[in-house]
Amino acid sequence: MPPEGVPAYSGELLPAGMDEPLEVRFWITSPEAAVRAVAAARRGTEECGRSDGDVLKNVAGFNQWGWRGVQALVTMDGWTEFGDPGAGATIVAARGGLLAEVTWAWPFEVDGEPDPLVLRQGTASATAVLAAVGGDPAGSAPVTTSTRSAAAAVATALPPPSAYGKDLVSWPRPGDGPLSHELVCQDPFFEQNAYAGAPAVTRRLIGEVSVREDVLFLPDEPSAEEARVRPLTAGSEIPIANGPLPCGSEDARSYSIAPRRAPFTRGPWTGEIETFAIGRPDLRRRPFDHDSVAHVAVAVRHGSTMVYLRWQASDRPDPAAALRAGRAALTRTLDRLPTSD
């Protein structure tokens, strides 16, 4: 459970001699939060040994270049689409206010064992990455974010969870298991495609309503526009208990307000807003045992900065009023966000 609402960076690196890339993520948080995340990762490795098809092969401490954490190797059945087994390695480590996660995976033969050479190559590459990012043990890792950082300024500007409603907390919460945070239409590839190589601030909140906030800092305006259009999904799919169905299918037809995408401008931010309200008796995902959902999403950009805000509420007797409330909540958040201007 990585920290949310803090500056973060993710990317993929393909070292020489490896067929699969290293997936790298960094967060700038407090030293206490970083240590807690490492401890949680260590405890989480125990679950792998009890998961169907997953076997914890090895877990060890990681202590290199000032980074302290845990490294785990897990084997998995059915790693490829052809049912071949595979192995995955993960390093989670902290250094001051920096938290890092590096993962890599590779297949191996049925009835065989993971190639130890790939494990050694990946570990060496991951260690080199960590050494290059705040890795000098004689220096100090960041304890507080710089006020000159755009990502840090955005993280500071995000509203308190209570601004959205009652009892909102960060998602995921310990003990909630595999419960999906998404209630209705959502592009499952948004994070994987939009975050690669991009600094970001992201936060998910759940309580009286469900909220998602994403701010991405892309290298140029075309890539920011590409990221902006990706999460808007009205008219595509709605995940339900037994799998995604097209929004227009017979089982997902009970819209009280049909999906609509419209231009949206607020100050320097320009893009689109997506709204709809839907009711389905087969939506049964605790704690959201409701049969109606109002959905508002705003995807805008200013220069090379992209913002995606999503608000959802359940069991509202007046769908139109719910959509107005969602639009107002997201507009207030957008007004708080700083720009380079």
C-alpha atoms as a PDB file:
ATOM      1  CA  MET A   1       0.000   0.000   0.000  1.00  0.00           C
ATOM      2  CA  PRO A   2       2.168   2.899  -1.212  1.00  0.00           C
ATOM      3  CA  PRO A   3       1.563   6.407   0.123  1.00  0.00           C
ATOM      4  CA  GLU A   4      -0.971   8.527  -1.749  1.00  0.00           C
ATOM      5  CA  GLY A   5      -1.210  12.248  -2.260  1.00  0.00           C
ATOM      6  CA  VAL A   6       2.592  12.648  -2.392  1.00  0.00           C
ATOM      7  CA  PRO A   7       5.012  13.278  -5.269  1.00  0.00           C
ATOM      8  CA  ALA A   8       5.737  10.035  -7.099  1.00  0.00           C
ATOM      9  CA  TYR A   9       7.544   8.780 -10.192  1.00  0.00           C
ATOM     10  CA  SER A  10       7.280   5.543 -12.143  1.00  0.00           C
ATOM     11  CA  GLY A  11       9.047   4.099 -15.139  1.00  0.00           C
ATOM     12  CA  GLU A  12      10.382   1.007 -16.865  1.00  0.00           C
ATOM     13  CA  LEU A  13      14.048   0.249 -17.498  1.00  0.00           C
ATOM     14  CA  LEU A  14      15.412  -2.591 -19.639  1.00  0.00           C
ATOM     15  CA  PRO A  15      18.951  -3.478 -18.551  1.00  0.00           C
ATOM     16  CA  ALA A  16      21.305  -5.259 -20.919  1.00  0.00           C
ATOM     17  CA  GLY A  17      20.966  -9.031 -20.773  1.00  0.00           C
ATOM     18  CA  MET A  18      17.393  -9.011 -19.451  1.00  0.00           C
ATOM     19  CA  ASP A  19      14.311  -9.831 -21.523  1.00  0.00           C
ATOM     20  CA  GLU A  20      11.800  -8.135 -19.226  1.00  0.00           C
ATOM     21  CA  PRO A  21      12.064  -4.578 -17.858  1.00  0.00           C
ATOM     22  CA  LEU A  22      12.482  -3.408 -14.316  1.00  0.00           C
ATOM     23  CA  GLU A  23       9.400  -1.549 -13.132  1.00  0.00           C
ATOM     24  CA  VAL A  24      10.488   1.281 -10.846  1.00  0.00           C
ATOM     25  CA  ARG A  25       8.420   3.518  -8.576  1.00  0.00           C
ATOM     26  CA  PHE A  26       9.555   6.233  -6.164  1.00  0.00           C
ATOM     27  CA  TRP A  27       7.630   8.319  -3.646  1.00  0.00           C
ATOM     28  CA  ILE A  28       8.689  11.347  -1.607  1.00  0.00           C
ATOM     29  CA  THR A  29       7.023  11.043   1.772  1.00  0.00           C
ATOM     30  CA  SER A  30       7.901  11.247   5.440  1.00  0.00           C
ATOM     31  CA  PRO A  31      10.575   8.949   6.893  1.00  0.00           C
ATOM     32  CA  GLU A  32       7.936   7.443   9.190  1.00  0.00           C
ATOM     33  CA  ALA A  33       5.579   6.637   6.297  1.00  0.00           C
ATOM     34  CA  ALA A  34       8.435   5.129   4.286  1.00  0.00           C
ATOM     35  CA  VAL A  35       9.432   2.847   7.161  1.00  0.00           C
ATOM     36  CA  ARG A  36       5.812   1.778   7.663  1.00  0.00           C
ATOM     37  CA  ALA A  37       5.481   0.908   3.976  1.00  0.00           C
ATOM     38  CA  VAL A  38       8.618  -1.249   4.099  1.00  0.00           C
ATOM     39  CA  ALA A  39       7.321  -3.057   7.196  1.00  0.00           C
ATOM     40  CA  ALA A  40       3.980  -3.659   5.472  1.00  0.00           C
ATOM     41  CA  ALA A  41       5.762  -5.048   2.409  1.00  0.00           C
ATOM     42  CA  ARG A  42       7.708  -7.437   4.610  1.00  0.00           C
ATOM     43  CA  ARG A  43       4.493  -8.655   6.228  1.00  0.00           C
ATOM     44  CA  GLY A  44       2.821  -8.920   2.837  1.00  0.00           C
ATOM     45  CA  THR A  45       5.374 -11.440   1.598  1.00  0.00           C
ATOM     46  CA  GLU A  46       3.888 -13.930   4.045  1.00  0.00           C
ATOM     47  CA  GLU A  47       0.615 -13.823   2.122  1.00  0.00           C
ATOM     48  CA  CYS A  48       2.343 -15.071  -1.050  1.00  0.00           C
ATOM     49  CA  GLY A  49       3.003 -18.428   0.564  1.00  0.00           C
ATOM     50  CA  ARG A  50      -0.715 -18.838   1.217  1.00  0.00           C
ATOM     51  CA  SER A  51      -1.988 -17.641  -2.190  1.00  0.00           C
ATOM     52  CA  ASP A  52      -3.219 -20.103  -4.795  1.00  0.00           C
ATOM     53  CA  GLY A  53      -0.446 -20.720  -7.302  1.00  0.00           C
ATOM     54  CA  ASP A  54       2.039 -18.382  -5.588  1.00  0.00           C
ATOM     55  CA  VAL A  55       5.001 -19.704  -3.610  1.00  0.00           C
ATOM     56  CA  LEU A  56       7.361 -17.528  -1.611  1.00  0.00           C
ATOM     57  CA  LYS A  57      10.809 -18.856  -2.506  1.00  0.00           C
ATOM     58  CA  ASN A  58      12.971 -16.422  -0.614  1.00  0.00           C
ATOM     59  CA  VAL A  59      12.772 -13.245   1.457  1.00  0.00           C
ATOM     60  CA  ALA A  60      15.753 -11.316   2.737  1.00  0.00           C
ATOM     61  CA  GLY A  61      16.725  -7.926   4.008  1.00  0.00           C
ATOM     62  CA  PHE A  62      18.066  -5.293   1.603  1.00  0.00           C
ATOM     63  CA  ASN A  63      20.762  -2.889   2.796  1.00  0.00           C
ATOM     64  CA  GLN A  64      22.640  -1.099   0.029  1.00  0.00           C
ATOM     65  CA  TRP A  65      23.714   2.512  -0.568  1.00  0.00           C
ATOM     66  CA  GLY A  66      21.788   3.802   2.397  1.00  0.00           C
ATOM     67  CA  TRP A  67      18.571   2.023   1.391  1.00  0.00           C
ATOM     68  CA  ARG A  68      17.060  -0.391   3.903  1.00  0.00           C
ATOM     69  CA  GLY A  69      14.192  -2.692   3.094  1.00  0.00           C
ATOM     70  CA  VAL A  70      13.189  -6.154   1.961  1.00  0.00           C
ATOM     71  CA  GLN A  71      13.672  -8.293  -1.158  1.00  0.00           C
ATOM     72  CA  ALA A  72      11.342 -11.171  -2.021  1.00  0.00           C
ATOM     73  CA  LEU A  73      11.250 -13.841  -4.733  1.00  0.00           C
ATOM     74  CA  VAL A  74       7.886 -15.426  -5.574  1.00  0.00           C
ATOM     75  CA  THR A  75       7.044 -18.122  -8.136  1.00  0.00           C
ATOM     76  CA  MET A  76       3.678 -18.159  -9.899  1.00  0.00           C
ATOM     77  CA  ASP A  77       1.695 -20.735 -11.857  1.00  0.00           C
ATOM     78  CA  GLY A  78       0.295 -19.600 -15.175  1.00  0.00           C
ATOM     79  CA  TRP A  79       2.622 -16.605 -15.536  1.00  0.00           C
ATOM     80  CA  THR A  80       2.234 -16.591 -19.337  1.00  0.00           C
ATOM     81  CA  GLU A  81      -0.937 -16.880 -21.422  1.00  0.00           C
ATOM     82  CA  PHE A  82       0.154 -20.422 -22.269  1.00  0.00           C
ATOM     83  CA  GLY A  83       0.160 -21.489 -18.621  1.00  0.00           C
ATOM     84  CA  ASP A  84       3.929 -21.474 -18.142  1.00  0.00           C
ATOM     85  CA  PRO A  85       5.218 -20.703 -14.648  1.00  0.00           C
ATOM     86  CA  GLY A  86       7.152 -17.558 -13.833  1.00  0.00           C
ATOM     87  CA  ALA A  87       9.015 -15.796 -11.078  1.00  0.00           C
ATOM     88  CA  GLY A  88       8.755 -12.264  -9.748  1.00  0.00           C
ATOM     89  CA  ALA A  89      11.243 -10.368  -7.614  1.00  0.00           C
ATOM     90  CA  THR A  90      10.530  -7.200  -5.647  1.00  0.00           C
ATOM     91  CA  ILE A  91      12.667  -4.815  -3.640  1.00  0.00           C
ATOM     92  CA  VAL A  92      10.906  -2.333  -1.364  1.00  0.00           C
ATOM     93  CA  ALA A  93      13.262  -0.001   0.462  1.00  0.00           C
ATOM     94  CA  ALA A  94      13.362   3.358   2.218  1.00  0.00           C
ATOM     95  CA  ARG A  95      15.997   6.007   2.665  1.00  0.00           C
ATOM     96  CA  GLY A  96      14.937   8.971   4.735  1.00  0.00           C
ATOM     97  CA  GLY A  97      11.818  10.370   3.095  1.00  0.00           C
ATOM     98  CA  LEU A  98      12.299   8.360  -0.106  1.00  0.00           C
ATOM     99  CA  LEU A  99      10.398   5.128  -0.695  1.00  0.00           C
ATOM    100  CA  ALA A 100      11.258   2.870  -3.641  1.00  0.00           C
ATOM    101  CA  GLU A 101       9.811  -0.245  -5.220  1.00  0.00           C
ATOM    102  CA  VAL A 102      11.616  -2.152  -7.984  1.00  0.00           C
ATOM    103  CA  THR A 103      10.081  -5.290  -9.523  1.00  0.00           C
ATOM    104  CA  TRP A 104      10.968  -7.624 -12.368  1.00  0.00           C
ATOM    105  CA  ALA A 105       9.625 -10.955 -13.587  1.00  0.00           C
ATOM    106  CA  TRP A 106      10.659 -13.778 -15.899  1.00  0.00           C
ATOM    107  CA  PRO A 107       9.308 -17.184 -17.035  1.00  0.00           C
ATOM    108  CA  PHE A 108      10.879 -20.596 -16.451  1.00  0.00           C
ATOM    109  CA  GLU A 109      10.243 -24.152 -17.587  1.00  0.00           C
ATOM    110  CA  VAL A 110       7.515 -26.327 -16.131  1.00  0.00           C
ATOM    111  CA  ASP A 111       8.923 -28.482 -13.301  1.00  0.00           C
ATOM    112  CA  GLY A 112      11.975 -26.239 -13.322  1.00  0.00           C
ATOM    113  CA  GLU A 113      13.316 -23.477 -11.102  1.00  0.00           C
ATOM    114  CA  PRO A 114      13.738 -19.730 -11.708  1.00  0.00           C
ATOM    115  CA  ASP A 115      17.012 -18.862 -13.410  1.00  0.00           C
ATOM    116  CA  PRO A 116      19.227 -17.479 -10.622  1.00  0.00           C
ATOM    117  CA  LEU A 117      21.180 -15.462 -13.194  1.00  0.00           C
ATOM    118  CA  VAL A 118      18.120 -13.315 -13.952  1.00  0.00           C
ATOM    119  CA  LEU A 119      17.613 -12.780 -10.235  1.00  0.00           C
ATOM    120  CA  ARG A 120      21.240 -11.664  -9.838  1.00  0.00           C
ATOM    121  CA  GLN A 121      21.082  -9.426 -12.927  1.00  0.00           C
ATOM    122  CA  GLY A 122      17.872  -7.816 -11.750  1.00  0.00           C
ATOM    123  CA  THR A 123      19.179  -7.293  -8.236  1.00  0.00           C
ATOM    124  CA  ALA A 124      22.366  -5.676  -9.559  1.00  0.00           C
ATOM    125  CA  SER A 125      20.367  -3.395 -11.876  1.00  0.00           C
ATOM    126  CA  ALA A 126      17.889  -2.473  -9.144  1.00  0.00           C
ATOM    127  CA  THR A 127      20.746  -1.693  -6.771  1.00  0.00           C
ATOM    128  CA  ALA A 128      22.339   0.541  -9.418  1.00  0.00           C
ATOM    129  CA  VAL A 129      19.061   2.432  -9.848  1.00  0.00           C
ATOM    130  CA  LEU A 130      18.728   2.966  -6.109  1.00  0.00           C
ATOM    131  CA  ALA A 131      22.353   4.069  -5.881  1.00  0.00           C
ATOM    132  CA  ALA A 132      21.695   6.694  -8.555  1.00  0.00           C
ATOM    133  CA  VAL A 133      18.619   8.096  -6.771  1.00  0.00           C
ATOM    134  CA  GLY A 134      19.580   9.533  -3.411  1.00  0.00           C
ATOM    135  CA  GLY A 135      21.999   6.696  -2.906  1.00  0.00           C
ATOM    136  CA  ASP A 136      24.949   8.445  -1.323  1.00  0.00           C
ATOM    137  CA  PRO A 137      24.948   7.231   2.304  1.00  0.00           C
ATOM    138  CA  ALA A 138      26.969  10.283   3.309  1.00  0.00           C
ATOM    139  CA  GLY A 139      24.279  12.622   2.005  1.00  0.00           C
ATOM    140  CA  SER A 140      20.800  13.254   3.341  1.00  0.00           C
ATOM    141  CA  ALA A 141      17.699  11.955   1.635  1.00  0.00           C
ATOM    142  CA  PRO A 142      14.802  14.427   1.428  1.00  0.00           C
ATOM    143  CA  VAL A 143      12.778  14.672   4.601  1.00  0.00           C
ATOM    144  CA  THR A 144      10.406  17.333   3.331  1.00  0.00           C
ATOM    145  CA  THR A 145       9.475  18.148  -0.245  1.00  0.00           C
ATOM    146  CA  SER A 146      10.832  21.228  -1.894  1.00  0.00           C
ATOM    147  CA  THR A 147       8.429  24.117  -2.188  1.00  0.00           C
ATOM    148  CA  ARG A 148       9.827  24.705  -5.680  1.00  0.00           C
ATOM    149  CA  SER A 149       8.673  21.289  -6.872  1.00  0.00           C
ATOM    150  CA  ALA A 150       5.485  21.325  -8.944  1.00  0.00           C
ATOM    151  CA  ALA A 151       4.515  17.896  -7.640  1.00  0.00           C
ATOM    152  CA  ALA A 152       5.137  18.951  -4.039  1.00  0.00           C
ATOM    153  CA  ALA A 153       3.038  22.086  -4.530  1.00  0.00           C
ATOM    154  CA  VAL A 154       0.163  20.013  -5.902  1.00  0.00           C
ATOM    155  CA  ALA A 155       0.406  17.484  -3.076  1.00  0.00           C
ATOM    156  CA  THR A 156       0.177  20.319  -0.558  1.00  0.00           C
ATOM    157  CA  ALA A 157      -2.779  21.904  -2.384  1.00  0.00           C
ATOM    158  CA  LEU A 158      -5.025  18.827  -2.433  1.00  0.00           C
ATOM    159  CA  PRO A 159      -8.071  19.349  -0.217  1.00  0.00           C
ATOM    160  CA  PRO A 160      -8.488  17.435   3.036  1.00  0.00           C
ATOM    161  CA  PRO A 161     -10.576  14.270   2.573  1.00  0.00           C
ATOM    162  CA  SER A 162     -13.368  15.826   4.629  1.00  0.00           C
ATOM    163  CA  ALA A 163     -13.906  18.376   1.846  1.00  0.00           C
ATOM    164  CA  TYR A 164     -15.614  15.649  -0.182  1.00  0.00           C
ATOM    165  CA  GLY A 165     -17.937  14.255   2.479  1.00  0.00           C
ATOM    166  CA  LYS A 166     -18.163  12.190   5.643  1.00  0.00           C
ATOM    167  CA  ASP A 167     -15.691   9.560   6.773  1.00  0.00           C
ATOM    168  CA  LEU A 168     -13.440   9.688   3.705  1.00  0.00           C
ATOM    169  CA  VAL A 169     -10.131   7.837   4.089  1.00  0.00           C
ATOM    170  CA  SER A 170      -7.277   6.948   1.772  1.00  0.00           C
ATOM    171  CA  TRP A 171      -7.672   3.853  -0.356  1.00  0.00           C
ATOM    172  CA  PRO A 172      -6.702   1.057  -0.044  1.00  0.00           C
ATOM    173  CA  ARG A 173      -7.341   0.432   3.617  1.00  0.00           C
ATOM    174  CA  PRO A 174      -5.688  -2.415   5.571  1.00  0.00           C
ATOM    175  CA  GLY A 175      -7.881  -5.497   5.621  1.00  0.00           C
ATOM    176  CA  ASP A 176     -10.085  -4.536   2.685  1.00  0.00           C
ATOM    177  CA  GLY A 177      -8.645  -7.288   0.469  1.00  0.00           C
ATOM    178  CA  PRO A 178      -9.404  -7.326  -3.256  1.00  0.00           C
ATOM    179  CA  LEU A 179     -12.411  -4.975  -3.142  1.00  0.00           C
ATOM    180  CA  SER A 180     -12.381  -2.743  -6.201  1.00  0.00           C
ATOM    181  CA  HIS A 181     -12.322   0.999  -5.625  1.00  0.00           C
ATOM    182  CA  GLU A 182     -13.903   1.605  -9.021  1.00  0.00           C
ATOM    183  CA  LEU A 183     -17.691   1.394  -9.120  1.00  0.00           C
ATOM    184  CA  VAL A 184     -18.461   2.063 -12.775  1.00  0.00           C
ATOM    185  CA  CYS A 185     -16.804   2.828 -16.113  1.00  0.00           C
ATOM    186  CA  GLN A 186     -13.028   2.955 -15.760  1.00  0.00           C
ATOM    187  CA  ASP A 187     -10.167   2.323 -18.165  1.00  0.00           C
ATOM    188  CA  PRO A 188      -8.015  -0.389 -16.494  1.00  0.00           C
ATOM    189  CA  PHE A 189      -4.956   0.634 -18.532  1.00  0.00           C
ATOM    190  CA  PHE A 190      -4.931   4.294 -17.506  1.00  0.00           C
ATOM    191  CA  GLU A 191      -2.328   4.005 -14.783  1.00  0.00           C
ATOM    192  CA  GLN A 192      -0.017   1.642 -16.616  1.00  0.00           C
ATOM    193  CA  ASN A 193       0.060   3.741 -19.794  1.00  0.00           C
ATOM    194  CA  ALA A 194      -0.181   7.246 -18.421  1.00  0.00           C
ATOM    195  CA  TYR A 195       2.252   6.992 -15.524  1.00  0.00           C
ATOM    196  CA  ALA A 196       5.243   5.422 -17.261  1.00  0.00           C
ATOM    197  CA  GLY A 197       8.117   7.864 -16.943  1.00  0.00           C
ATOM    198  CA  ALA A 198       5.907  10.663 -15.594  1.00  0.00           C
ATOM    199  CA  PRO A 199       6.106  12.345 -12.193  1.00  0.00           C
ATOM    200  CA  ALA A 200       2.657  12.216 -10.628  1.00  0.00           C
ATOM    201  CA  VAL A 201       0.561  12.875  -7.567  1.00  0.00           C
ATOM    202  CA  THR A 202      -2.330  10.469  -7.092  1.00  0.00           C
ATOM    203  CA  ARG A 203      -4.845   9.875  -4.348  1.00  0.00           C
ATOM    204  CA  ARG A 204      -7.930   7.692  -3.894  1.00  0.00           C
ATOM    205  CA  LEU A 205     -10.476   8.368  -1.176  1.00  0.00           C
ATOM    206  CA  ILE A 206     -13.437   6.311  -0.105  1.00  0.00           C
ATOM    207  CA  GLY A 207     -16.269   6.940   2.338  1.00  0.00           C
ATOM    208  CA  GLU A 208     -19.542   8.764   1.777  1.00  0.00           C
ATOM    209  CA  VAL A 209     -18.383   9.123  -1.838  1.00  0.00           C
ATOM    210  CA  SER A 210     -15.571   7.651  -3.916  1.00  0.00           C
ATOM    211  CA  VAL A 211     -12.904  10.068  -5.184  1.00  0.00           C
ATOM    212  CA  ARG A 212      -9.852   9.750  -7.366  1.00  0.00           C
ATOM    213  CA  GLU A 213      -7.316  12.535  -7.968  1.00  0.00           C
ATOM    214  CA  ASP A 214      -4.459  12.269 -10.459  1.00  0.00           C
ATOM    215  CA  VAL A 215      -2.029  14.994 -11.534  1.00  0.00           C
ATOM    216  CA  LEU A 216       0.583  14.017 -14.120  1.00  0.00           C
ATOM    217  CA  PHE A 217       3.575  16.092 -15.204  1.00  0.00           C
ATOM    218  CA  LEU A 218       4.284  15.030 -18.781  1.00  0.00           C
ATOM    219  CA  PRO A 219       7.316  16.014 -20.871  1.00  0.00           C
ATOM    220  CA  ASP A 220       5.319  17.919 -23.504  1.00  0.00           C
ATOM    221  CA  GLU A 221       1.829  19.037 -24.470  1.00  0.00           C
ATOM    222  CA  PRO A 222       1.070  16.196 -26.970  1.00  0.00           C
ATOM    223  CA  SER A 223       1.780  13.527 -24.344  1.00  0.00           C
ATOM    224  CA  ALA A 224      -0.273  15.465 -21.783  1.00  0.00           C
ATOM    225  CA  GLU A 225      -3.204  15.546 -24.196  1.00  0.00           C
ATOM    226  CA  GLU A 226      -2.827  11.819 -24.870  1.00  0.00           C
ATOM    227  CA  ALA A 227      -2.939  11.140 -21.132  1.00  0.00           C
ATOM    228  CA  ARG A 228      -5.903  13.485 -20.702  1.00  0.00           C
ATOM    229  CA  VAL A 229      -8.244  11.616 -23.033  1.00  0.00           C
ATOM    230  CA  ARG A 230      -7.360   8.137 -21.765  1.00  0.00           C
ATOM    231  CA  PRO A 231      -9.368   7.887 -18.519  1.00  0.00           C
ATOM    232  CA  LEU A 232     -12.656   9.206 -19.896  1.00  0.00           C
ATOM    233  CA  THR A 233     -14.731   6.117 -20.551  1.00  0.00           C
ATOM    234  CA  ALA A 234     -18.402   7.087 -20.927  1.00  0.00           C
ATOM    235  CA  GLY A 235     -20.011   4.746 -23.414  1.00  0.00           C
ATOM    236  CA  SER A 236     -17.355   2.045 -23.174  1.00  0.00           C
ATOM    237  CA  GLU A 237     -17.504  -0.500 -20.340  1.00  0.00           C
ATOM    238  CA  ILE A 238     -18.896  -0.926 -16.844  1.00  0.00           C
ATOM    239  CA  PRO A 239     -17.209  -3.529 -14.606  1.00  0.00           C
ATOM    240  CA  ILE A 240     -19.801  -5.525 -12.685  1.00  0.00           C
ATOM    241  CA  ALA A 241     -19.600  -8.526 -10.400  1.00  0.00           C
ATOM    242  CA  ASN A 242     -19.249 -11.103 -13.194  1.00  0.00           C
ATOM    243  CA  GLY A 243     -17.029  -9.102 -15.515  1.00  0.00           C
ATOM    244  CA  PRO A 244     -17.142  -5.995 -17.706  1.00  0.00           C
ATOM    245  CA  LEU A 245     -20.137  -5.397 -19.952  1.00  0.00           C
ATOM    246  CA  PRO A 246     -20.628  -2.739 -22.623  1.00  0.00           C
ATOM    247  CA  CYS A 247     -22.488   0.239 -21.207  1.00  0.00           C
ATOM    248  CA  GLY A 248     -25.148  -0.189 -23.883  1.00  0.00           C
ATOM    249  CA  SER A 249     -25.792  -3.866 -23.217  1.00  0.00           C
ATOM    250  CA  GLU A 250     -29.100  -5.161 -21.911  1.00  0.00           C
ATOM    251  CA  ASP A 251     -27.678  -5.843 -18.448  1.00  0.00           C
ATOM    252  CA  ALA A 252     -26.245  -2.331 -18.129  1.00  0.00           C
ATOM    253  CA  ARG A 253     -29.038  -0.281 -19.682  1.00  0.00           C
ATOM    254  CA  SER A 254     -30.618   1.218 -16.581  1.00  0.00           C
ATOM    255  CA  TYR A 255     -29.275   4.745 -16.911  1.00  0.00           C
ATOM    256  CA  SER A 256     -31.232   7.411 -15.133  1.00  0.00           C
ATOM    257  CA  ILE A 257     -28.977   9.960 -16.880  1.00  0.00           C
ATOM    258  CA  ALA A 258     -27.200   8.808 -20.038  1.00  0.00           C
ATOM    259  CA  PRO A 259     -23.412   9.151 -20.448  1.00  0.00           C
ATOM    260  CA  ARG A 260     -22.315  12.541 -21.722  1.00  0.00           C
ATOM    261  CA  ARG A 261     -18.959  14.115 -22.463  1.00  0.00           C
ATOM    262  CA  ALA A 262     -18.755  17.870 -22.883  1.00  0.00           C
ATOM    263  CA  PRO A 263     -16.043  20.542 -23.128  1.00  0.00           C
ATOM    264  CA  PHE A 264     -14.921  21.885 -19.772  1.00  0.00           C
ATOM    265  CA  THR A 265     -12.869  24.986 -18.972  1.00  0.00           C
ATOM    266  CA  ARG A 266     -11.920  26.370 -15.580  1.00  0.00           C
ATOM    267  CA  GLY A 267      -9.313  29.100 -15.387  1.00  0.00           C
ATOM    268  CA  PRO A 268      -6.213  27.870 -17.252  1.00  0.00           C
ATOM    269  CA  TRP A 269      -7.469  24.264 -17.321  1.00  0.00           C
ATOM    270  CA  THR A 270      -9.177  23.005 -20.478  1.00  0.00           C
ATOM    271  CA  GLY A 271     -10.530  19.577 -21.390  1.00  0.00           C
ATOM    272  CA  GLU A 272     -13.724  17.612 -20.881  1.00  0.00           C
ATOM    273  CA  ILE A 273     -16.211  16.586 -18.224  1.00  0.00           C
ATOM    274  CA  GLU A 274     -17.949  13.205 -18.181  1.00  0.00           C
ATOM    275  CA  THR A 275     -21.250  12.606 -16.368  1.00  0.00           C
ATOM    276  CA  PHE A 276     -23.844   9.861 -16.028  1.00  0.00           C
ATOM    277  CA  ALA A 277     -25.996   8.140 -13.445  1.00  0.00           C
ATOM    278  CA  ILE A 278     -26.763   4.460 -13.523  1.00  0.00           C
ATOM    279  CA  GLY A 279     -28.735   2.012 -11.421  1.00  0.00           C
ATOM    280  CA  ARG A 280     -28.158  -1.742 -11.419  1.00  0.00           C
ATOM    281  CA  PRO A 281     -29.547  -4.272  -8.933  1.00  0.00           C
ATOM    282  CA  ASP A 282     -26.596  -6.588  -9.566  1.00  0.00           C
ATOM    283  CA  LEU A 283     -23.956  -4.197  -8.198  1.00  0.00           C
ATOM    284  CA  ARG A 284     -22.933  -6.030  -5.004  1.00  0.00           C
ATOM    285  CA  ARG A 285     -19.504  -4.959  -3.824  1.00  0.00           C
ATOM    286  CA  ARG A 286     -19.237  -4.235  -0.133  1.00  0.00           C
ATOM    287  CA  PRO A 287     -19.324  -1.679   1.341  1.00  0.00           C
ATOM    288  CA  PHE A 288     -21.161  -0.339  -1.729  1.00  0.00           C
ATOM    289  CA  ASP A 289     -24.264  -2.578  -1.692  1.00  0.00           C
ATOM    290  CA  HIS A 290     -26.208  -0.006  -3.672  1.00  0.00           C
ATOM    291  CA  ASP A 291     -28.170  -0.086  -6.892  1.00  0.00           C
ATOM    292  CA  SER A 292     -27.346   3.381  -8.206  1.00  0.00           C
ATOM    293  CA  VAL A 293     -24.200   5.355  -8.895  1.00  0.00           C
ATOM    294  CA  ALA A 294     -23.726   8.957  -9.999  1.00  0.00           C
ATOM    295  CA  HIS A 295     -20.433   9.541 -11.799  1.00  0.00           C
ATOM    296  CA  VAL A 296     -18.586  12.782 -12.590  1.00  0.00           C
ATOM    297  CA  ALA A 297     -15.068  12.909 -14.051  1.00  0.00           C
ATOM    298  CA  VAL A 298     -13.020  15.892 -15.186  1.00  0.00           C
ATOM    299  CA  ALA A 299      -9.956  15.433 -17.404  1.00  0.00           C
ATOM    300  CA  VAL A 300      -8.141  18.672 -18.191  1.00  0.00           C
ATOM    301  CA  ARG A 301      -4.666  19.971 -18.837  1.00  0.00           C
ATOM    302  CA  HIS A 302      -2.667  23.173 -18.722  1.00  0.00           C
ATOM    303  CA  GLY A 303       0.469  23.031 -20.830  1.00  0.00           C
ATOM    304  CA  SER A 304       2.124  19.696 -20.106  1.00  0.00           C
ATOM    305  CA  THR A 305       0.319  19.144 -16.776  1.00  0.00           C
ATOM    306  CA  MET A 306      -2.701  16.833 -16.884  1.00  0.00           C
ATOM    307  CA  VAL A 307      -5.352  16.539 -14.162  1.00  0.00           C
ATOM    308  CA  TYR A 308      -7.913  13.748 -13.812  1.00  0.00           C
ATOM    309  CA  LEU A 309     -10.526  14.044 -11.055  1.00  0.00           C
ATOM    310  CA  ARG A 310     -13.229  11.422 -10.540  1.00  0.00           C
ATOM    311  CA  TRP A 311     -16.202  11.553  -8.113  1.00  0.00           C
ATOM    312  CA  GLN A 312     -18.815   8.840  -7.574  1.00  0.00           C
ATOM    313  CA  ALA A 313     -21.722   8.606  -5.151  1.00  0.00           C
ATOM    314  CA  SER A 314     -24.173   5.812  -4.445  1.00  0.00           C
ATOM    315  CA  ASP A 315     -27.833   5.736  -3.473  1.00  0.00           C
ATOM    316  CA  ARG A 316     -28.648   9.354  -4.262  1.00  0.00           C
ATOM    317  CA  PRO A 317     -32.418   9.862  -4.694  1.00  0.00           C
ATOM    318  CA  ASP A 318     -31.950  12.735  -7.156  1.00  0.00           C
ATOM    319  CA  PRO A 319     -29.329  11.781  -9.793  1.00  0.00           C
ATOM    320  CA  ALA A 320     -29.255  15.252 -11.340  1.00  0.00           C
ATOM    321  CA  ALA A 321     -28.587  16.854  -7.954  1.00  0.00           C
ATOM    322  CA  ALA A 322     -25.866  14.279  -7.299  1.00  0.00           C
ATOM    323  CA  LEU A 323     -24.145  15.138 -10.558  1.00  0.00           C
ATOM    324  CA  ARG A 324     -24.291  18.835  -9.701  1.00  0.00           C
ATOM    325  CA  ALA A 325     -22.749  18.094  -6.308  1.00  0.00           C
ATOM    326  CA  GLY A 326     -19.979  16.044  -7.912  1.00  0.00           C
ATOM    327  CA  ARG A 327     -19.208  18.744 -10.457  1.00  0.00           C
ATOM    328  CA  ALA A 328     -19.030  21.386  -7.718  1.00  0.00           C
ATOM    329  CA  ALA A 329     -16.708  19.216  -5.590  1.00  0.00           C
ATOM    330  CA  LEU A 330     -14.282  18.582  -8.452  1.00  0.00           C
ATOM    331  CA  THR A 331     -14.344  22.228  -9.521  1.00  0.00           C
ATOM    332  CA  ARG A 332     -13.378  23.287  -5.998  1.00  0.00           C
ATOM    333  CA  THR A 333     -10.431  20.881  -6.088  1.00  0.00           C
ATOM    334  CA  LEU A 334      -9.333  22.139  -9.497  1.00  0.00           C
ATOM    335  CA  ASP A 335      -9.420  25.720  -8.232  1.00  0.00           C
ATOM    336  CA  ARG A 336      -6.958  24.770  -5.471  1.00  0.00           C
ATOM    337  CA  LEU A 337      -4.308  23.363  -7.786  1.00  0.00           C
ATOM    338  CA  PRO A 338      -1.347  25.632  -8.601  1.00  0.00           C
ATOM    339  CA  THR A 339      -0.105  26.237 -12.132  1.00  0.00           C
ATOM    340  CA  SER A 340       3.248  27.430 -13.412  1.00  0.00           C
ATOM    341  CA  ASP A 341       1.573  30.730 -14.256  1.00  0.00           C
END
